[in-house]
Amino acid sequence: VEKQKLVKSAKLYAEVYKEDSELRDLTNSAIEDWPK
């Protein structure tokens, strides 16, 4: 049971991290394109 929980949380974390990195890339490009 513990292993299943671990795998589930790892997958969940990976999904969140992936979305987070995409969001970070969007934010970074938006900041770079911002007029100075």
C-alpha atoms as a PDB file:
ATOM      1  CA  VAL A   1       0.000   0.000   0.000  1.00  0.00           C
ATOM      2  CA  GLU A   2       2.811   2.418   0.881  1.00  0.00           C
ATOM      3  CA  LYS A   3       4.507   1.853  -2.460  1.00  0.00           C
ATOM      4  CA  GLN A   4       1.284   2.629  -4.311  1.00  0.00           C
ATOM      5  CA  LYS A   5       0.900   5.854  -2.343  1.00  0.00           C
ATOM      6  CA  LEU A   6       4.482   6.761  -3.145  1.00  0.00           C
ATOM      7  CA  VAL A   7       4.039   6.115  -6.864  1.00  0.00           C
ATOM      8  CA  LYS A   8       0.787   8.063  -6.910  1.00  0.00           C
ATOM      9  CA  SER A   9       2.291  11.066  -5.164  1.00  0.00           C
ATOM     10  CA  ALA A  10       5.359  10.903  -7.417  1.00  0.00           C
ATOM     11  CA  LYS A  11       3.166  11.006 -10.523  1.00  0.00           C
ATOM     12  CA  LEU A  12       1.141  13.831  -9.044  1.00  0.00           C
ATOM     13  CA  TYR A  13       4.335  15.729  -8.217  1.00  0.00           C
ATOM     14  CA  ALA A  14       5.686  15.171 -11.727  1.00  0.00           C
ATOM     15  CA  GLU A  15       2.486  16.543 -13.262  1.00  0.00           C
ATOM     16  CA  VAL A  16       2.496  19.588 -11.011  1.00  0.00           C
ATOM     17  CA  TYR A  17       6.183  20.177 -11.675  1.00  0.00           C
ATOM     18  CA  LYS A  18       5.680  19.921 -15.437  1.00  0.00           C
ATOM     19  CA  GLU A  19       2.843  22.452 -15.359  1.00  0.00           C
ATOM     20  CA  ASP A  20       4.882  24.629 -13.032  1.00  0.00           C
ATOM     21  CA  SER A  21       7.890  24.669 -15.352  1.00  0.00           C
ATOM     22  CA  GLU A  22       5.677  25.552 -18.316  1.00  0.00           C
ATOM     23  CA  LEU A  23       4.194  28.377 -16.267  1.00  0.00           C
ATOM     24  CA  ARG A  24       7.695  29.511 -15.289  1.00  0.00           C
ATOM     25  CA  ASP A  25       8.770  29.548 -18.943  1.00  0.00           C
ATOM     26  CA  LEU A  26       5.726  31.633 -19.830  1.00  0.00           C
ATOM     27  CA  THR A  27       6.473  34.053 -17.016  1.00  0.00           C
ATOM     28  CA  ASN A  28      10.131  34.342 -17.991  1.00  0.00           C
ATOM     29  CA  SER A  29       9.358  35.025 -21.645  1.00  0.00           C
ATOM     30  CA  ALA A  30       6.728  37.575 -20.623  1.00  0.00           C
ATOM     31  CA  ILE A  31       9.283  39.344 -18.419  1.00  0.00           C
ATOM     32  CA  GLU A  32      11.878  39.315 -21.207  1.00  0.00           C
ATOM     33  CA  ASP A  33       9.394  40.782 -23.696  1.00  0.00           C
ATOM     34  CA  TRP A  34       8.314  43.472 -21.246  1.00  0.00           C
ATOM     35  CA  PRO A  35       9.362  46.935 -22.470  1.00  0.00           C
ATOM     36  CA  LYS A  36      12.113  48.326 -20.284  1.00  0.00           C
END
